[in-house]
Amino acid sequence: MPLSQTVIARTTNSYIWISHLLCFIIMPMIDLHSHTVFSDGVLIPAELARRAVATGYEALAITDHMDHSNIDLIIPRIVKAVNALRGHMPITLLPGAEITHVPPALIPDLVKEARRLGARIVIVHGETIVEPVVKGTNRAAIEAGVDILAHPGLISEDDLLFAREKSITLEITARKGHSISNGHVAQSAMRLGIPLTINTDAHEPSNLISLETARRILLSAGICPDKLQAIFSHARNLVTKAIGGM
């Protein structure tokens, strides 16, 4: 019997497992949340990009922490680095921003400013349970139309429904501490049909992960194996949309 018929002749579960495995082998990692020396990361953009390539990344967004004090300084420099590196590394680099610990009322204007300055992926530092993020930050980020609400913690049902209405992507994170609430975010999003993505929130080289590690983090959050492909495909869609604005 030919090999192809042998595979098809196996049990349904085995065939599905093989299909998923082949998919992950050929699909590289996309990570839309990372930091450099422009905030609290340890690497300059070029080295972070090189490390990402070595880890098997297809795309990386550089999203340093920002507020009113540094947004006009950092984004142009990230844009400059991304433009210089384009074509010299086998990776898609996206300039971004993470609006961090900003009072909720001020978030919408900063999101607009980040986009005006050239950020293609705009994230808001959500209400993680391991930091004193001001209540209402999640809601303000959703209202502002961010690309990704990072580590939203124990996000409320009302905010979840609002995120679904606004088509806001929620983050499953590999970051220690922030990841404690991954299960709540994952289960709530899957129940309500809210798009998810998985990011590292990388601050140093060891924070970068392979697609296999991303897969295991998603499974650990309670996401079914047959839902993983949609999450990885959604990340690619976010990249495609971001590239369209460059």
C-alpha atoms as a PDB file:
ATOM      1  CA  MET A   1       0.000   0.000   0.000  1.00  0.00           C
ATOM      2  CA  PRO A   2       1.396   3.490  -0.895  1.00  0.00           C
ATOM      3  CA  LEU A   3       2.513   5.682   1.988  1.00  0.00           C
ATOM      4  CA  SER A   4      -0.274   8.212   1.377  1.00  0.00           C
ATOM      5  CA  GLN A   5      -2.917   5.458   1.615  1.00  0.00           C
ATOM      6  CA  THR A   6      -1.256   4.099   4.730  1.00  0.00           C
ATOM      7  CA  VAL A   7      -1.564   7.483   6.466  1.00  0.00           C
ATOM      8  CA  ILE A   8      -5.184   7.886   5.394  1.00  0.00           C
ATOM      9  CA  ALA A   9      -5.950   4.371   6.585  1.00  0.00           C
ATOM     10  CA  ARG A  10      -4.930   5.224  10.143  1.00  0.00           C
ATOM     11  CA  THR A  11      -7.411   6.292  12.777  1.00  0.00           C
ATOM     12  CA  THR A  12      -9.045   9.692  12.461  1.00  0.00           C
ATOM     13  CA  ASN A  13      -7.271  10.997  15.557  1.00  0.00           C
ATOM     14  CA  SER A  14      -3.873   9.946  14.239  1.00  0.00           C
ATOM     15  CA  TYR A  15      -4.556  11.571  10.871  1.00  0.00           C
ATOM     16  CA  ILE A  16      -5.617  14.853  12.509  1.00  0.00           C
ATOM     17  CA  TRP A  17      -2.515  14.785  14.741  1.00  0.00           C
ATOM     18  CA  ILE A  18      -0.244  14.285  11.702  1.00  0.00           C
ATOM     19  CA  SER A  19      -1.995  17.107   9.839  1.00  0.00           C
ATOM     20  CA  HIS A  20      -1.490  19.491  12.743  1.00  0.00           C
ATOM     21  CA  LEU A  21       2.144  18.432  13.113  1.00  0.00           C
ATOM     22  CA  LEU A  22       2.912  19.063   9.438  1.00  0.00           C
ATOM     23  CA  CYS A  23       1.225  22.443   9.671  1.00  0.00           C
ATOM     24  CA  PHE A  24       3.400  23.509  12.600  1.00  0.00           C
ATOM     25  CA  ILE A  25       6.548  22.249  10.927  1.00  0.00           C
ATOM     26  CA  ILE A  26       6.045  24.521   7.898  1.00  0.00           C
ATOM     27  CA  MET A  27       4.548  27.561   9.714  1.00  0.00           C
ATOM     28  CA  PRO A  28       7.061  29.883  11.393  1.00  0.00           C
ATOM     29  CA  MET A  29       6.434  31.985  14.507  1.00  0.00           C
ATOM     30  CA  ILE A  30       4.753  35.392  14.531  1.00  0.00           C
ATOM     31  CA  ASP A  31       5.211  37.561  17.621  1.00  0.00           C
ATOM     32  CA  LEU A  32       3.529  40.970  17.840  1.00  0.00           C
ATOM     33  CA  HIS A  33       4.714  42.130  21.265  1.00  0.00           C
ATOM     34  CA  SER A  34       8.382  42.715  22.108  1.00  0.00           C
ATOM     35  CA  HIS A  35      10.686  45.271  23.731  1.00  0.00           C
ATOM     36  CA  THR A  36      14.126  46.728  23.068  1.00  0.00           C
ATOM     37  CA  VAL A  37      16.503  49.130  24.805  1.00  0.00           C
ATOM     38  CA  PHE A  38      14.099  51.899  23.826  1.00  0.00           C
ATOM     39  CA  SER A  39      12.092  50.860  26.909  1.00  0.00           C
ATOM     40  CA  ASP A  40      12.916  48.028  29.308  1.00  0.00           C
ATOM     41  CA  GLY A  41      14.307  45.435  26.905  1.00  0.00           C
ATOM     42  CA  VAL A  42      18.008  44.529  26.753  1.00  0.00           C
ATOM     43  CA  LEU A  43      18.644  44.372  22.983  1.00  0.00           C
ATOM     44  CA  ILE A  44      18.805  46.951  20.216  1.00  0.00           C
ATOM     45  CA  PRO A  45      16.304  46.325  17.366  1.00  0.00           C
ATOM     46  CA  ALA A  46      18.858  44.743  15.007  1.00  0.00           C
ATOM     47  CA  GLU A  47      19.966  42.136  17.532  1.00  0.00           C
ATOM     48  CA  LEU A  48      16.405  41.396  18.623  1.00  0.00           C
ATOM     49  CA  ALA A  49      15.507  40.827  14.980  1.00  0.00           C
ATOM     50  CA  ARG A  50      18.532  38.563  14.441  1.00  0.00           C
ATOM     51  CA  ARG A  51      17.681  36.548  17.543  1.00  0.00           C
ATOM     52  CA  ALA A  52      14.111  36.208  16.307  1.00  0.00           C
ATOM     53  CA  VAL A  53      15.322  34.912  12.945  1.00  0.00           C
ATOM     54  CA  ALA A  54      17.512  32.346  14.712  1.00  0.00           C
ATOM     55  CA  THR A  55      14.499  31.226  16.761  1.00  0.00           C
ATOM     56  CA  GLY A  56      12.451  30.634  13.631  1.00  0.00           C
ATOM     57  CA  TYR A  57      10.354  33.784  13.408  1.00  0.00           C
ATOM     58  CA  GLU A  58       8.524  34.959  10.312  1.00  0.00           C
ATOM     59  CA  ALA A  59       7.402  38.309  11.741  1.00  0.00           C
ATOM     60  CA  LEU A  60       8.093  40.455  14.792  1.00  0.00           C
ATOM     61  CA  ALA A  61       6.546  43.690  16.037  1.00  0.00           C
ATOM     62  CA  ILE A  62       8.716  45.953  18.189  1.00  0.00           C
ATOM     63  CA  THR A  63       6.312  47.477  20.703  1.00  0.00           C
ATOM     64  CA  ASP A  64       8.223  49.359  23.358  1.00  0.00           C
ATOM     65  CA  HIS A  65       6.506  50.877  26.395  1.00  0.00           C
ATOM     66  CA  MET A  66       5.291  54.414  25.780  1.00  0.00           C
ATOM     67  CA  ASP A  67       3.449  57.314  27.311  1.00  0.00           C
ATOM     68  CA  HIS A  68       3.415  61.056  26.597  1.00  0.00           C
ATOM     69  CA  SER A  69       7.050  61.440  27.655  1.00  0.00           C
ATOM     70  CA  ASN A  70       8.646  59.264  24.992  1.00  0.00           C
ATOM     71  CA  ILE A  71       6.189  58.346  22.249  1.00  0.00           C
ATOM     72  CA  ASP A  72       7.539  60.975  19.827  1.00  0.00           C
ATOM     73  CA  LEU A  73      11.107  59.871  20.530  1.00  0.00           C
ATOM     74  CA  ILE A  74      10.756  56.102  20.290  1.00  0.00           C
ATOM     75  CA  ILE A  75       8.411  55.401  17.397  1.00  0.00           C
ATOM     76  CA  PRO A  76      10.435  57.360  14.794  1.00  0.00           C
ATOM     77  CA  ARG A  77      13.580  55.505  15.875  1.00  0.00           C
ATOM     78  CA  ILE A  78      11.895  52.123  15.641  1.00  0.00           C
ATOM     79  CA  VAL A  79      10.529  53.057  12.217  1.00  0.00           C
ATOM     80  CA  LYS A  80      14.041  54.091  11.142  1.00  0.00           C
ATOM     81  CA  ALA A  81      15.530  50.789  12.329  1.00  0.00           C
ATOM     82  CA  VAL A  82      12.804  48.708  10.680  1.00  0.00           C
ATOM     83  CA  ASN A  83      13.204  50.552   7.377  1.00  0.00           C
ATOM     84  CA  ALA A  84      16.985  50.105   7.456  1.00  0.00           C
ATOM     85  CA  LEU A  85      16.779  46.379   8.175  1.00  0.00           C
ATOM     86  CA  ARG A  86      14.086  45.632   5.594  1.00  0.00           C
ATOM     87  CA  GLY A  87      15.465  43.405   2.871  1.00  0.00           C
ATOM     88  CA  HIS A  88      18.573  42.493   4.859  1.00  0.00           C
ATOM     89  CA  MET A  89      16.967  39.914   7.170  1.00  0.00           C
ATOM     90  CA  PRO A  90      14.533  37.081   6.367  1.00  0.00           C
ATOM     91  CA  ILE A  91      11.860  38.436   8.701  1.00  0.00           C
ATOM     92  CA  THR A  92       9.003  40.920   8.546  1.00  0.00           C
ATOM     93  CA  LEU A  93       9.608  43.660  11.123  1.00  0.00           C
ATOM     94  CA  LEU A  94       6.805  45.953  12.216  1.00  0.00           C
ATOM     95  CA  PRO A  95       7.176  49.216  14.144  1.00  0.00           C
ATOM     96  CA  GLY A  96       4.774  49.318  17.055  1.00  0.00           C
ATOM     97  CA  ALA A  97       3.923  50.748  20.439  1.00  0.00           C
ATOM     98  CA  GLU A  98       2.662  49.521  23.800  1.00  0.00           C
ATOM     99  CA  ILE A  99       0.746  52.270  25.597  1.00  0.00           C
ATOM    100  CA  THR A 100       1.583  51.537  29.219  1.00  0.00           C
ATOM    101  CA  HIS A 101       0.078  52.635  32.560  1.00  0.00           C
ATOM    102  CA  VAL A 102      -1.541  55.671  30.971  1.00  0.00           C
ATOM    103  CA  PRO A 103      -4.780  56.939  32.578  1.00  0.00           C
ATOM    104  CA  PRO A 104      -7.710  55.494  30.609  1.00  0.00           C
ATOM    105  CA  ALA A 105      -9.045  58.886  29.521  1.00  0.00           C
ATOM    106  CA  LEU A 106      -5.726  59.639  27.783  1.00  0.00           C
ATOM    107  CA  ILE A 107      -5.403  56.335  25.916  1.00  0.00           C
ATOM    108  CA  PRO A 108      -7.456  57.180  22.782  1.00  0.00           C
ATOM    109  CA  ASP A 109      -5.356  60.218  21.887  1.00  0.00           C
ATOM    110  CA  LEU A 110      -2.089  58.337  22.446  1.00  0.00           C
ATOM    111  CA  VAL A 111      -3.265  55.488  20.222  1.00  0.00           C
ATOM    112  CA  LYS A 112      -3.988  58.026  17.473  1.00  0.00           C
ATOM    113  CA  GLU A 113      -0.597  59.652  18.020  1.00  0.00           C
ATOM    114  CA  ALA A 114       1.181  56.297  17.821  1.00  0.00           C
ATOM    115  CA  ARG A 115      -0.443  55.556  14.477  1.00  0.00           C
ATOM    116  CA  ARG A 116       0.342  59.060  13.192  1.00  0.00           C
ATOM    117  CA  LEU A 117       4.013  58.570  14.068  1.00  0.00           C
ATOM    118  CA  GLY A 118       4.198  55.289  12.147  1.00  0.00           C
ATOM    119  CA  ALA A 119       3.306  52.475  14.564  1.00  0.00           C
ATOM    120  CA  ARG A 120       1.711  49.611  12.608  1.00  0.00           C
ATOM    121  CA  ILE A 121       0.856  47.484  15.632  1.00  0.00           C
ATOM    122  CA  VAL A 122      -0.573  49.403  18.577  1.00  0.00           C
ATOM    123  CA  ILE A 123      -0.993  47.570  21.865  1.00  0.00           C
ATOM    124  CA  VAL A 124      -2.281  48.701  25.227  1.00  0.00           C
ATOM    125  CA  HIS A 125      -0.806  47.281  28.441  1.00  0.00           C
ATOM    126  CA  GLY A 126      -3.932  45.627  29.800  1.00  0.00           C
ATOM    127  CA  GLU A 127      -5.156  44.966  33.337  1.00  0.00           C
ATOM    128  CA  THR A 128      -2.742  42.183  34.231  1.00  0.00           C
ATOM    129  CA  ILE A 129      -3.279  40.866  37.746  1.00  0.00           C
ATOM    130  CA  VAL A 130       0.409  41.237  38.647  1.00  0.00           C
ATOM    131  CA  GLU A 131       0.625  45.024  38.244  1.00  0.00           C
ATOM    132  CA  PRO A 132      -1.498  47.922  39.562  1.00  0.00           C
ATOM    133  CA  VAL A 133      -2.972  48.799  36.166  1.00  0.00           C
ATOM    134  CA  VAL A 134      -5.818  51.308  36.545  1.00  0.00           C
ATOM    135  CA  LYS A 135      -9.285  49.807  36.276  1.00  0.00           C
ATOM    136  CA  GLY A 136     -10.871  50.905  33.035  1.00  0.00           C
ATOM    137  CA  THR A 137      -7.690  50.490  30.993  1.00  0.00           C
ATOM    138  CA  ASN A 138      -9.085  47.461  29.156  1.00  0.00           C
ATOM    139  CA  ARG A 139     -12.252  49.350  28.279  1.00  0.00           C
ATOM    140  CA  ALA A 140     -10.383  52.417  27.073  1.00  0.00           C
ATOM    141  CA  ALA A 141      -8.089  50.306  24.890  1.00  0.00           C
ATOM    142  CA  ILE A 142     -11.042  48.592  23.265  1.00  0.00           C
ATOM    143  CA  GLU A 143     -12.811  51.914  22.723  1.00  0.00           C
ATOM    144  CA  ALA A 144      -9.639  53.311  21.132  1.00  0.00           C
ATOM    145  CA  GLY A 145      -9.523  50.461  18.617  1.00  0.00           C
ATOM    146  CA  VAL A 146      -6.101  49.060  19.440  1.00  0.00           C
ATOM    147  CA  ASP A 147      -4.779  46.174  17.412  1.00  0.00           C
ATOM    148  CA  ILE A 148      -4.124  44.010  20.482  1.00  0.00           C
ATOM    149  CA  LEU A 149      -5.147  44.269  24.127  1.00  0.00           C
ATOM    150  CA  ALA A 150      -2.149  42.771  25.906  1.00  0.00           C
ATOM    151  CA  HIS A 151      -2.502  40.537  28.963  1.00  0.00           C
ATOM    152  CA  PRO A 152      -6.009  41.793  29.896  1.00  0.00           C
ATOM    153  CA  GLY A 153      -6.114  39.847  33.176  1.00  0.00           C
ATOM    154  CA  LEU A 154      -9.550  39.004  34.542  1.00  0.00           C
ATOM    155  CA  ILE A 155     -11.272  40.964  31.799  1.00  0.00           C
ATOM    156  CA  SER A 156     -14.968  41.508  32.542  1.00  0.00           C
ATOM    157  CA  GLU A 157     -17.877  40.071  30.592  1.00  0.00           C
ATOM    158  CA  ASP A 158     -18.943  43.564  29.502  1.00  0.00           C
ATOM    159  CA  ASP A 159     -15.461  44.311  28.183  1.00  0.00           C
ATOM    160  CA  LEU A 160     -15.319  40.945  26.458  1.00  0.00           C
ATOM    161  CA  LEU A 161     -18.568  41.666  24.650  1.00  0.00           C
ATOM    162  CA  PHE A 162     -17.290  45.125  23.722  1.00  0.00           C
ATOM    163  CA  ALA A 163     -14.061  43.592  22.387  1.00  0.00           C
ATOM    164  CA  ARG A 164     -16.097  41.226  20.239  1.00  0.00           C
ATOM    165  CA  GLU A 165     -18.185  44.130  18.929  1.00  0.00           C
ATOM    166  CA  LYS A 166     -15.046  46.114  18.061  1.00  0.00           C
ATOM    167  CA  SER A 167     -13.117  43.087  16.703  1.00  0.00           C
ATOM    168  CA  ILE A 168     -10.250  43.673  19.129  1.00  0.00           C
ATOM    169  CA  THR A 169      -7.648  40.916  19.413  1.00  0.00           C
ATOM    170  CA  LEU A 170      -6.895  39.655  22.918  1.00  0.00           C
ATOM    171  CA  GLU A 171      -3.454  38.394  23.838  1.00  0.00           C
ATOM    172  CA  ILE A 172      -2.421  35.049  25.241  1.00  0.00           C
ATOM    173  CA  THR A 173       1.026  35.720  26.644  1.00  0.00           C
ATOM    174  CA  ALA A 174       4.175  33.724  27.275  1.00  0.00           C
ATOM    175  CA  ARG A 175       5.307  36.333  29.819  1.00  0.00           C
ATOM    176  CA  LYS A 176       5.809  35.114  33.380  1.00  0.00           C
ATOM    177  CA  GLY A 177       3.231  36.633  35.735  1.00  0.00           C
ATOM    178  CA  HIS A 178       1.001  38.072  33.039  1.00  0.00           C
ATOM    179  CA  SER A 179       0.325  34.520  31.846  1.00  0.00           C
ATOM    180  CA  ILE A 180      -1.451  33.585  35.089  1.00  0.00           C
ATOM    181  CA  SER A 181      -4.764  34.725  33.620  1.00  0.00           C
ATOM    182  CA  ASN A 182      -4.264  33.061  30.218  1.00  0.00           C
ATOM    183  CA  GLY A 183      -6.898  30.458  31.039  1.00  0.00           C
ATOM    184  CA  HIS A 184      -9.583  33.049  31.765  1.00  0.00           C
ATOM    185  CA  VAL A 185      -8.736  35.043  28.639  1.00  0.00           C
ATOM    186  CA  ALA A 186      -8.595  31.974  26.405  1.00  0.00           C
ATOM    187  CA  GLN A 187     -11.790  30.351  27.615  1.00  0.00           C
ATOM    188  CA  SER A 188     -13.736  33.617  27.553  1.00  0.00           C
ATOM    189  CA  ALA A 189     -12.539  34.515  24.075  1.00  0.00           C
ATOM    190  CA  MET A 190     -13.265  31.069  22.666  1.00  0.00           C
ATOM    191  CA  ARG A 191     -16.743  31.081  24.205  1.00  0.00           C
ATOM    192  CA  LEU A 192     -17.603  34.461  22.697  1.00  0.00           C
ATOM    193  CA  GLY A 193     -15.736  34.216  19.409  1.00  0.00           C
ATOM    194  CA  ILE A 194     -13.170  36.942  20.134  1.00  0.00           C
ATOM    195  CA  PRO A 195      -9.933  36.767  18.107  1.00  0.00           C
ATOM    196  CA  LEU A 196      -6.795  35.694  19.956  1.00  0.00           C
ATOM    197  CA  THR A 197      -3.092  35.885  19.302  1.00  0.00           C
ATOM    198  CA  ILE A 198      -0.108  34.591  21.250  1.00  0.00           C
ATOM    199  CA  ASN A 199       2.864  36.866  21.937  1.00  0.00           C
ATOM    200  CA  THR A 200       5.960  36.686  24.099  1.00  0.00           C
ATOM    201  CA  ASP A 201       6.212  40.235  25.464  1.00  0.00           C
ATOM    202  CA  ALA A 202       9.929  39.527  25.047  1.00  0.00           C
ATOM    203  CA  HIS A 203      12.413  41.688  26.941  1.00  0.00           C
ATOM    204  CA  GLU A 204      15.520  39.542  26.398  1.00  0.00           C
ATOM    205  CA  PRO A 205      16.684  36.768  24.029  1.00  0.00           C
ATOM    206  CA  SER A 206      15.555  33.918  26.276  1.00  0.00           C
ATOM    207  CA  ASN A 207      11.981  35.208  26.111  1.00  0.00           C
ATOM    208  CA  LEU A 208      11.647  34.397  22.400  1.00  0.00           C
ATOM    209  CA  ILE A 209       9.860  31.118  21.739  1.00  0.00           C
ATOM    210  CA  SER A 210       9.395  28.551  19.004  1.00  0.00           C
ATOM    211  CA  LEU A 211       6.038  27.847  17.408  1.00  0.00           C
ATOM    212  CA  GLU A 212       5.976  24.529  19.273  1.00  0.00           C
ATOM    213  CA  THR A 213       6.310  26.326  22.594  1.00  0.00           C
ATOM    214  CA  ALA A 214       3.545  28.717  21.524  1.00  0.00           C
ATOM    215  CA  ARG A 215       1.378  25.717  20.725  1.00  0.00           C
ATOM    216  CA  ARG A 216       1.969  24.220  24.169  1.00  0.00           C
ATOM    217  CA  ILE A 217       1.162  27.519  25.899  1.00  0.00           C
ATOM    218  CA  LEU A 218      -2.132  27.736  24.020  1.00  0.00           C
ATOM    219  CA  LEU A 219      -3.004  24.154  24.875  1.00  0.00           C
ATOM    220  CA  SER A 220      -2.121  24.818  28.524  1.00  0.00           C
ATOM    221  CA  ALA A 221      -4.581  27.719  28.501  1.00  0.00           C
ATOM    222  CA  GLY A 222      -7.309  25.242  27.597  1.00  0.00           C
ATOM    223  CA  ILE A 223      -7.555  25.890  23.879  1.00  0.00           C
ATOM    224  CA  CYS A 224      -8.509  22.815  21.842  1.00  0.00           C
ATOM    225  CA  PRO A 225      -5.962  21.536  19.302  1.00  0.00           C
ATOM    226  CA  ASP A 226      -8.365  22.126  16.424  1.00  0.00           C
ATOM    227  CA  LYS A 227      -8.533  25.853  17.280  1.00  0.00           C
ATOM    228  CA  LEU A 228      -4.790  26.508  17.158  1.00  0.00           C
ATOM    229  CA  GLN A 229      -4.542  26.958  13.417  1.00  0.00           C
ATOM    230  CA  ALA A 230      -7.122  29.768  13.496  1.00  0.00           C
ATOM    231  CA  ILE A 231      -5.083  31.620  16.141  1.00  0.00           C
ATOM    232  CA  PHE A 232      -1.840  31.372  14.176  1.00  0.00           C
ATOM    233  CA  SER A 233      -3.626  32.355  10.965  1.00  0.00           C
ATOM    234  CA  HIS A 234      -5.131  35.377  12.692  1.00  0.00           C
ATOM    235  CA  ALA A 235      -1.635  36.573  13.637  1.00  0.00           C
ATOM    236  CA  ARG A 236      -0.670  36.356   9.976  1.00  0.00           C
ATOM    237  CA  ASN A 237      -3.741  38.382   9.075  1.00  0.00           C
ATOM    238  CA  LEU A 238      -2.705  41.088  11.542  1.00  0.00           C
ATOM    239  CA  VAL A 239       0.718  41.209   9.906  1.00  0.00           C
ATOM    240  CA  THR A 240      -0.803  41.442   6.437  1.00  0.00           C
ATOM    241  CA  LYS A 241      -3.043  44.300   7.551  1.00  0.00           C
ATOM    242  CA  ALA A 242      -0.093  46.096   9.178  1.00  0.00           C
ATOM    243  CA  ILE A 243       2.098  45.718   6.084  1.00  0.00           C
ATOM    244  CA  GLY A 244      -0.661  47.279   4.029  1.00  0.00           C
ATOM    245  CA  GLY A 245      -0.156  50.488   5.956  1.00  0.00           C
ATOM    246  CA  MET A 246       3.618  50.643   5.479  1.00  0.00           C
END
